[in-house]
Amino acid sequence: MRNVLVGKLLGSKTWNNRWYVYVGSPVFAFLGALLYWLFGVHLISEPLAETVLMVLFPGMTVIIGCAILAVIDEM
């Protein structure tokens, strides 16, 4: 990844449109929570593993979604 894209993922000052961070992150977190509620509950039945998945689903969707928005913002 180029330094510009890494800078966008680690901070909000290098974005051309800073609303991507303020609107995109909560939307992707909600999408991750929804995906966990639909699919993650059925993957594992141990309480600790469910907690880990509950954190991973929204976290990974925020990272992946913001990376996609960073690429779009770069165009």
PDB file of N, CA and C in Angstrom:
ATOM      1  N   MET A   1       0.843  -1.174   0.000  1.00  0.00           N
ATOM      2  CA  MET A   1       0.000   0.000   0.000  1.00  0.00           C
ATOM      3  C   MET A   1       0.888   1.237   0.000  1.00  0.00           C
ATOM      4  N   ARG A   2       0.436   2.243  -0.673  1.00  0.00           N
ATOM      5  CA  ARG A   2       1.202   3.477  -0.702  1.00  0.00           C
ATOM      6  C   ARG A   2       1.038   4.222   0.614  1.00  0.00           C
ATOM      7  N   ASN A   3       1.963   5.150   0.873  1.00  0.00           N
ATOM      8  CA  ASN A   3       1.926   5.898   2.126  1.00  0.00           C
ATOM      9  C   ASN A   3       0.677   6.749   2.269  1.00  0.00           C
ATOM     10  N   VAL A   4       0.132   7.213   1.159  1.00  0.00           N
ATOM     11  CA  VAL A   4      -1.083   8.033   1.218  1.00  0.00           C
ATOM     12  C   VAL A   4      -2.258   7.203   1.731  1.00  0.00           C
ATOM     13  N   LEU A   5      -2.399   5.990   1.238  1.00  0.00           N
ATOM     14  CA  LEU A   5      -3.507   5.139   1.685  1.00  0.00           C
ATOM     15  C   LEU A   5      -3.335   4.730   3.147  1.00  0.00           C
ATOM     16  N   VAL A   6      -2.105   4.453   3.553  1.00  0.00           N
ATOM     17  CA  VAL A   6      -1.849   4.100   4.960  1.00  0.00           C
ATOM     18  C   VAL A   6      -2.168   5.298   5.848  1.00  0.00           C
ATOM     19  N   GLY A   7      -1.786   6.493   5.409  1.00  0.00           N
ATOM     20  CA  GLY A   7      -2.102   7.697   6.177  1.00  0.00           C
ATOM     21  C   GLY A   7      -3.591   7.924   6.315  1.00  0.00           C
ATOM     22  N   LYS A   8      -4.335   7.581   5.277  1.00  0.00           N
ATOM     23  CA  LYS A   8      -5.787   7.733   5.352  1.00  0.00           C
ATOM     24  C   LYS A   8      -6.395   6.746   6.329  1.00  0.00           C
ATOM     25  N   LEU A   9      -5.853   5.539   6.389  1.00  0.00           N
ATOM     26  CA  LEU A   9      -6.417   4.548   7.308  1.00  0.00           C
ATOM     27  C   LEU A   9      -6.054   4.841   8.761  1.00  0.00           C
ATOM     28  N   LEU A  10      -4.949   5.523   9.003  1.00  0.00           N
ATOM     29  CA  LEU A  10      -4.515   5.792  10.372  1.00  0.00           C
ATOM     30  C   LEU A  10      -4.956   7.154  10.899  1.00  0.00           C
ATOM     31  N   GLY A  11      -5.446   8.024  10.052  1.00  0.00           N
ATOM     32  CA  GLY A  11      -5.877   9.345  10.497  1.00  0.00           C
ATOM     33  C   GLY A  11      -6.930   9.915   9.577  1.00  0.00           C
ATOM     34  N   SER A  12      -7.496  11.044   9.969  1.00  0.00           N
ATOM     35  CA  SER A  12      -8.570  11.619   9.166  1.00  0.00           C
ATOM     36  C   SER A  12      -8.161  12.918   8.484  1.00  0.00           C
ATOM     37  N   LYS A  13      -6.903  13.320   8.587  1.00  0.00           N
ATOM     38  CA  LYS A  13      -6.510  14.617   8.044  1.00  0.00           C
ATOM     39  C   LYS A  13      -6.124  14.572   6.580  1.00  0.00           C
ATOM     40  N   THR A  14      -5.809  13.410   6.031  1.00  0.00           N
ATOM     41  CA  THR A  14      -5.353  13.334   4.647  1.00  0.00           C
ATOM     42  C   THR A  14      -6.463  12.960   3.669  1.00  0.00           C
ATOM     43  N   TRP A  15      -7.675  12.827   4.140  1.00  0.00           N
ATOM     44  CA  TRP A  15      -8.785  12.481   3.261  1.00  0.00           C
ATOM     45  C   TRP A  15      -9.187  13.709   2.459  1.00  0.00           C
ATOM     46  N   ASN A  16      -9.555  13.516   1.202  1.00  0.00           N
ATOM     47  CA  ASN A  16     -10.100  14.605   0.396  1.00  0.00           C
ATOM     48  C   ASN A  16     -11.487  14.977   0.893  1.00  0.00           C
ATOM     49  N   ASN A  17     -12.256  13.996   1.303  1.00  0.00           N
ATOM     50  CA  ASN A  17     -13.578  14.208   1.870  1.00  0.00           C
ATOM     51  C   ASN A  17     -13.587  13.553   3.248  1.00  0.00           C
ATOM     52  N   ARG A  18     -13.469  14.354   4.316  1.00  0.00           N
ATOM     53  CA  ARG A  18     -13.352  13.793   5.660  1.00  0.00           C
ATOM     54  C   ARG A  18     -14.649  13.167   6.160  1.00  0.00           C
ATOM     55  N   TRP A  19     -15.750  13.397   5.466  1.00  0.00           N
ATOM     56  CA  TRP A  19     -17.009  12.787   5.878  1.00  0.00           C
ATOM     57  C   TRP A  19     -17.002  11.281   5.688  1.00  0.00           C
ATOM     58  N   TYR A  20     -16.097  10.785   4.840  1.00  0.00           N
ATOM     59  CA  TYR A  20     -15.965   9.334   4.693  1.00  0.00           C
ATOM     60  C   TYR A  20     -15.666   8.689   6.039  1.00  0.00           C
ATOM     61  N   VAL A  21     -14.823   9.315   6.827  1.00  0.00           N
ATOM     62  CA  VAL A  21     -14.441   8.748   8.130  1.00  0.00           C
ATOM     63  C   VAL A  21     -15.596   8.829   9.106  1.00  0.00           C
ATOM     64  N   TYR A  22     -16.256   9.984   9.154  1.00  0.00           N
ATOM     65  CA  TYR A  22     -17.298  10.202  10.151  1.00  0.00           C
ATOM     66  C   TYR A  22     -18.598   9.472   9.837  1.00  0.00           C
ATOM     67  N   VAL A  23     -18.867   9.226   8.578  1.00  0.00           N
ATOM     68  CA  VAL A  23     -20.088   8.520   8.194  1.00  0.00           C
ATOM     69  C   VAL A  23     -19.794   7.063   7.872  1.00  0.00           C
ATOM     70  N   GLY A  24     -18.685   6.809   7.191  1.00  0.00           N
ATOM     71  CA  GLY A  24     -18.365   5.451   6.750  1.00  0.00           C
ATOM     72  C   GLY A  24     -18.055   4.490   7.888  1.00  0.00           C
ATOM     73  N   SER A  25     -17.289   4.934   8.870  1.00  0.00           N
ATOM     74  CA  SER A  25     -16.909   4.033   9.967  1.00  0.00           C
ATOM     75  C   SER A  25     -18.102   3.511  10.747  1.00  0.00           C
ATOM     76  N   PRO A  26     -19.044   4.371  11.191  1.00  0.00           N
ATOM     77  CA  PRO A  26     -20.215   3.824  11.889  1.00  0.00           C
ATOM     78  C   PRO A  26     -21.088   2.933  11.009  1.00  0.00           C
ATOM     79  N   VAL A  27     -21.180   3.267   9.728  1.00  0.00           N
ATOM     80  CA  VAL A  27     -21.994   2.442   8.823  1.00  0.00           C
ATOM     81  C   VAL A  27     -21.376   1.057   8.691  1.00  0.00           C
ATOM     82  N   PHE A  28     -20.051   1.006   8.521  1.00  0.00           N
ATOM     83  CA  PHE A  28     -19.395  -0.291   8.407  1.00  0.00           C
ATOM     84  C   PHE A  28     -19.401  -1.050   9.729  1.00  0.00           C
ATOM     85  N   ALA A  29     -19.329  -0.347  10.862  1.00  0.00           N
ATOM     86  CA  ALA A  29     -19.436  -1.024  12.156  1.00  0.00           C
ATOM     87  C   ALA A  29     -20.820  -1.641  12.322  1.00  0.00           C
ATOM     88  N   PHE A  30     -21.854  -0.909  11.924  1.00  0.00           N
ATOM     89  CA  PHE A  30     -23.212  -1.453  11.976  1.00  0.00           C
ATOM     90  C   PHE A  30     -23.352  -2.653  11.051  1.00  0.00           C
ATOM     91  N   LEU A  31     -22.758  -2.567   9.857  1.00  0.00           N
ATOM     92  CA  LEU A  31     -22.796  -3.687   8.918  1.00  0.00           C
ATOM     93  C   LEU A  31     -22.100  -4.914   9.512  1.00  0.00           C
ATOM     94  N   GLY A  32     -20.958  -4.707  10.175  1.00  0.00           N
ATOM     95  CA  GLY A  32     -20.255  -5.822  10.821  1.00  0.00           C
ATOM     96  C   GLY A  32     -21.063  -6.433  11.948  1.00  0.00           C
ATOM     97  N   ALA A  33     -21.728  -5.583  12.741  1.00  0.00           N
ATOM     98  CA  ALA A  33     -22.578  -6.105  13.814  1.00  0.00           C
ATOM     99  C   ALA A  33     -23.750  -6.892  13.239  1.00  0.00           C
ATOM    100  N   LEU A  34     -24.304  -6.405  12.142  1.00  0.00           N
ATOM    101  CA  LEU A  34     -25.395  -7.118  11.497  1.00  0.00           C
ATOM    102  C   LEU A  34     -24.923  -8.465  10.942  1.00  0.00           C
ATOM    103  N   LEU A  35     -23.745  -8.481  10.315  1.00  0.00           N
ATOM    104  CA  LEU A  35     -23.198  -9.742   9.810  1.00  0.00           C
ATOM    105  C   LEU A  35     -22.923 -10.720  10.946  1.00  0.00           C
ATOM    106  N   TYR A  36     -22.421 -10.209  12.084  1.00  0.00           N
ATOM    107  CA  TYR A  36     -22.207 -11.089  13.241  1.00  0.00           C
ATOM    108  C   TYR A  36     -23.537 -11.644  13.727  1.00  0.00           C
ATOM    109  N   TRP A  37     -24.549 -10.806  13.803  1.00  0.00           N
ATOM    110  CA  TRP A  37     -25.844 -11.254  14.299  1.00  0.00           C
ATOM    111  C   TRP A  37     -26.458 -12.300  13.372  1.00  0.00           C
ATOM    112  N   LEU A  38     -26.254 -12.135  12.055  1.00  0.00           N
ATOM    113  CA  LEU A  38     -26.823 -13.084  11.101  1.00  0.00           C
ATOM    114  C   LEU A  38     -26.020 -14.377  10.985  1.00  0.00           C
ATOM    115  N   PHE A  39     -24.677 -14.268  10.946  1.00  0.00           N
ATOM    116  CA  PHE A  39     -23.853 -15.440  10.643  1.00  0.00           C
ATOM    117  C   PHE A  39     -22.907 -15.841  11.769  1.00  0.00           C
ATOM    118  N   GLY A  40     -22.373 -14.885  12.506  1.00  0.00           N
ATOM    119  CA  GLY A  40     -21.349 -15.179  13.510  1.00  0.00           C
ATOM    120  C   GLY A  40     -21.848 -15.988  14.683  1.00  0.00           C
ATOM    121  N   VAL A  41     -23.091 -15.803  15.037  1.00  0.00           N
ATOM    122  CA  VAL A  41     -23.655 -16.532  16.174  1.00  0.00           C
ATOM    123  C   VAL A  41     -23.665 -18.034  15.901  1.00  0.00           C
ATOM    124  N   HIS A  42     -23.777 -18.408  14.656  1.00  0.00           N
ATOM    125  CA  HIS A  42     -23.872 -19.822  14.301  1.00  0.00           C
ATOM    126  C   HIS A  42     -22.514 -20.476  14.085  1.00  0.00           C
ATOM    127  N   LEU A  43     -21.442 -19.714  14.078  1.00  0.00           N
ATOM    128  CA  LEU A  43     -20.117 -20.277  13.811  1.00  0.00           C
ATOM    129  C   LEU A  43     -19.523 -20.989  15.018  1.00  0.00           C
ATOM    130  N   ILE A  44     -19.681 -20.409  16.211  1.00  0.00           N
ATOM    131  CA  ILE A  44     -19.025 -20.934  17.413  1.00  0.00           C
ATOM    132  C   ILE A  44     -19.998 -20.819  18.577  1.00  0.00           C
ATOM    133  N   SER A  45     -19.900 -21.752  19.502  1.00  0.00           N
ATOM    134  CA  SER A  45     -20.830 -21.721  20.632  1.00  0.00           C
ATOM    135  C   SER A  45     -20.151 -21.440  21.969  1.00  0.00           C
ATOM    136  N   GLU A  46     -18.831 -21.320  22.008  1.00  0.00           N
ATOM    137  CA  GLU A  46     -18.152 -21.020  23.273  1.00  0.00           C
ATOM    138  C   GLU A  46     -18.269 -19.530  23.585  1.00  0.00           C
ATOM    139  N   PRO A  47     -18.489 -19.170  24.855  1.00  0.00           N
ATOM    140  CA  PRO A  47     -18.698 -17.752  25.204  1.00  0.00           C
ATOM    141  C   PRO A  47     -17.509 -16.854  24.870  1.00  0.00           C
ATOM    142  N   LEU A  48     -16.290 -17.314  25.128  1.00  0.00           N
ATOM    143  CA  LEU A  48     -15.126 -16.483  24.838  1.00  0.00           C
ATOM    144  C   LEU A  48     -14.952 -16.286  23.337  1.00  0.00           C
ATOM    145  N   ALA A  49     -15.155 -17.335  22.565  1.00  0.00           N
ATOM    146  CA  ALA A  49     -15.031 -17.230  21.112  1.00  0.00           C
ATOM    147  C   ALA A  49     -16.118 -16.330  20.537  1.00  0.00           C
ATOM    148  N   GLU A  50     -17.306 -16.359  21.106  1.00  0.00           N
ATOM    149  CA  GLU A  50     -18.370 -15.468  20.642  1.00  0.00           C
ATOM    150  C   GLU A  50     -18.006 -14.009  20.899  1.00  0.00           C
ATOM    151  N   THR A  51     -17.386 -13.739  22.035  1.00  0.00           N
ATOM    152  CA  THR A  51     -16.962 -12.374  22.347  1.00  0.00           C
ATOM    153  C   THR A  51     -15.887 -11.907  21.383  1.00  0.00           C
ATOM    154  N   VAL A  52     -14.946 -12.784  21.064  1.00  0.00           N
ATOM    155  CA  VAL A  52     -13.885 -12.432  20.117  1.00  0.00           C
ATOM    156  C   VAL A  52     -14.474 -12.158  18.738  1.00  0.00           C
ATOM    157  N   LEU A  53     -15.390 -12.999  18.302  1.00  0.00           N
ATOM    158  CA  LEU A  53     -16.037 -12.777  17.010  1.00  0.00           C
ATOM    159  C   LEU A  53     -16.884 -11.508  17.004  1.00  0.00           C
ATOM    160  N   MET A  54     -17.499 -11.201  18.143  1.00  0.00           N
ATOM    161  CA  MET A  54     -18.320 -10.013  18.247  1.00  0.00           C
ATOM    162  C   MET A  54     -17.475  -8.751  18.056  1.00  0.00           C
ATOM    163  N   VAL A  55     -16.216  -8.800  18.436  1.00  0.00           N
ATOM    164  CA  VAL A  55     -15.317  -7.669  18.245  1.00  0.00           C
ATOM    165  C   VAL A  55     -14.702  -7.695  16.853  1.00  0.00           C
ATOM    166  N   LEU A  56     -14.385  -8.885  16.349  1.00  0.00           N
ATOM    167  CA  LEU A  56     -13.716  -9.003  15.060  1.00  0.00           C
ATOM    168  C   LEU A  56     -14.603  -8.619  13.876  1.00  0.00           C
ATOM    169  N   PHE A  57     -15.857  -9.015  13.896  1.00  0.00           N
ATOM    170  CA  PHE A  57     -16.740  -8.725  12.761  1.00  0.00           C
ATOM    171  C   PHE A  57     -16.848  -7.220  12.500  1.00  0.00           C
ATOM    172  N   PRO A  58     -17.251  -6.403  13.478  1.00  0.00           N
ATOM    173  CA  PRO A  58     -17.316  -4.954  13.187  1.00  0.00           C
ATOM    174  C   PRO A  58     -15.941  -4.350  12.920  1.00  0.00           C
ATOM    175  N   GLY A  59     -14.926  -4.801  13.632  1.00  0.00           N
ATOM    176  CA  GLY A  59     -13.587  -4.259  13.426  1.00  0.00           C
ATOM    177  C   GLY A  59     -13.060  -4.504  12.026  1.00  0.00           C
ATOM    178  N   MET A  60     -13.238  -5.714  11.533  1.00  0.00           N
ATOM    179  CA  MET A  60     -12.740  -6.040  10.200  1.00  0.00           C
ATOM    180  C   MET A  60     -13.563  -5.344   9.108  1.00  0.00           C
ATOM    181  N   THR A  61     -14.865  -5.208   9.310  1.00  0.00           N
ATOM    182  CA  THR A  61     -15.645  -4.514   8.290  1.00  0.00           C
ATOM    183  C   THR A  61     -15.303  -3.031   8.250  1.00  0.00           C
ATOM    184  N   VAL A  62     -14.986  -2.433   9.394  1.00  0.00           N
ATOM    185  CA  VAL A  62     -14.562  -1.026   9.400  1.00  0.00           C
ATOM    186  C   VAL A  62     -13.229  -0.884   8.674  1.00  0.00           C
ATOM    187  N   ILE A  63     -12.271  -1.769   8.938  1.00  0.00           N
ATOM    188  CA  ILE A  63     -10.961  -1.685   8.288  1.00  0.00           C
ATOM    189  C   ILE A  63     -11.087  -1.905   6.785  1.00  0.00           C
ATOM    190  N   ILE A  64     -11.794  -2.941   6.386  1.00  0.00           N
ATOM    191  CA  ILE A  64     -11.950  -3.233   4.954  1.00  0.00           C
ATOM    192  C   ILE A  64     -12.755  -2.130   4.265  1.00  0.00           C
ATOM    193  N   GLY A  65     -13.831  -1.682   4.894  1.00  0.00           N
ATOM    194  CA  GLY A  65     -14.657  -0.632   4.301  1.00  0.00           C
ATOM    195  C   GLY A  65     -13.911   0.693   4.165  1.00  0.00           C
ATOM    196  N   CYS A  66     -13.140   1.057   5.186  1.00  0.00           N
ATOM    197  CA  CYS A  66     -12.371   2.302   5.091  1.00  0.00           C
ATOM    198  C   CYS A  66     -11.250   2.181   4.078  1.00  0.00           C
ATOM    199  N   ALA A  67     -10.700   0.986   3.900  1.00  0.00           N
ATOM    200  CA  ALA A  67      -9.684   0.794   2.870  1.00  0.00           C
ATOM    201  C   ALA A  67     -10.302   0.976   1.481  1.00  0.00           C
ATOM    202  N   ILE A  68     -11.498   0.465   1.286  1.00  0.00           N
ATOM    203  CA  ILE A  68     -12.194   0.661   0.008  1.00  0.00           C
ATOM    204  C   ILE A  68     -12.523   2.127  -0.203  1.00  0.00           C
ATOM    205  N   LEU A  69     -12.971   2.809   0.845  1.00  0.00           N
ATOM    206  CA  LEU A  69     -13.258   4.240   0.728  1.00  0.00           C
ATOM    207  C   LEU A  69     -11.986   5.044   0.468  1.00  0.00           C
ATOM    208  N   ALA A  70     -10.845   4.615   1.033  1.00  0.00           N
ATOM    209  CA  ALA A  70      -9.573   5.298   0.778  1.00  0.00           C
ATOM    210  C   ALA A  70      -9.163   5.165  -0.684  1.00  0.00           C
ATOM    211  N   VAL A  71      -9.397   4.009  -1.257  1.00  0.00           N
ATOM    212  CA  VAL A  71      -9.086   3.821  -2.682  1.00  0.00           C
ATOM    213  C   VAL A  71     -10.011   4.680  -3.536  1.00  0.00           C
ATOM    214  N   ILE A  72     -11.286   4.736  -3.173  1.00  0.00           N
ATOM    215  CA  ILE A  72     -12.239   5.570  -3.914  1.00  0.00           C
ATOM    216  C   ILE A  72     -11.874   7.043  -3.770  1.00  0.00           C
ATOM    217  N   ASP A  73     -11.472   7.451  -2.561  1.00  0.00           N
ATOM    218  CA  ASP A  73     -11.109   8.823  -2.304  1.00  0.00           C
ATOM    219  C   ASP A  73      -9.846   9.228  -3.055  1.00  0.00           C
ATOM    220  N   GLU A  74      -8.991   8.264  -3.339  1.00  0.00           N
ATOM    221  CA  GLU A  74      -7.750   8.522  -4.070  1.00  0.00           C
ATOM    222  C   GLU A  74      -7.997   8.777  -5.545  1.00  0.00           C
ATOM    223  N   MET A  75      -9.111   8.281  -6.086  1.00  0.00           N
ATOM    224  CA  MET A  75      -9.401   8.440  -7.519  1.00  0.00           C
ATOM    225  C   MET A  75      -9.793   9.846  -7.866  1.00  0.00           C
TER     226      MET A  75
END
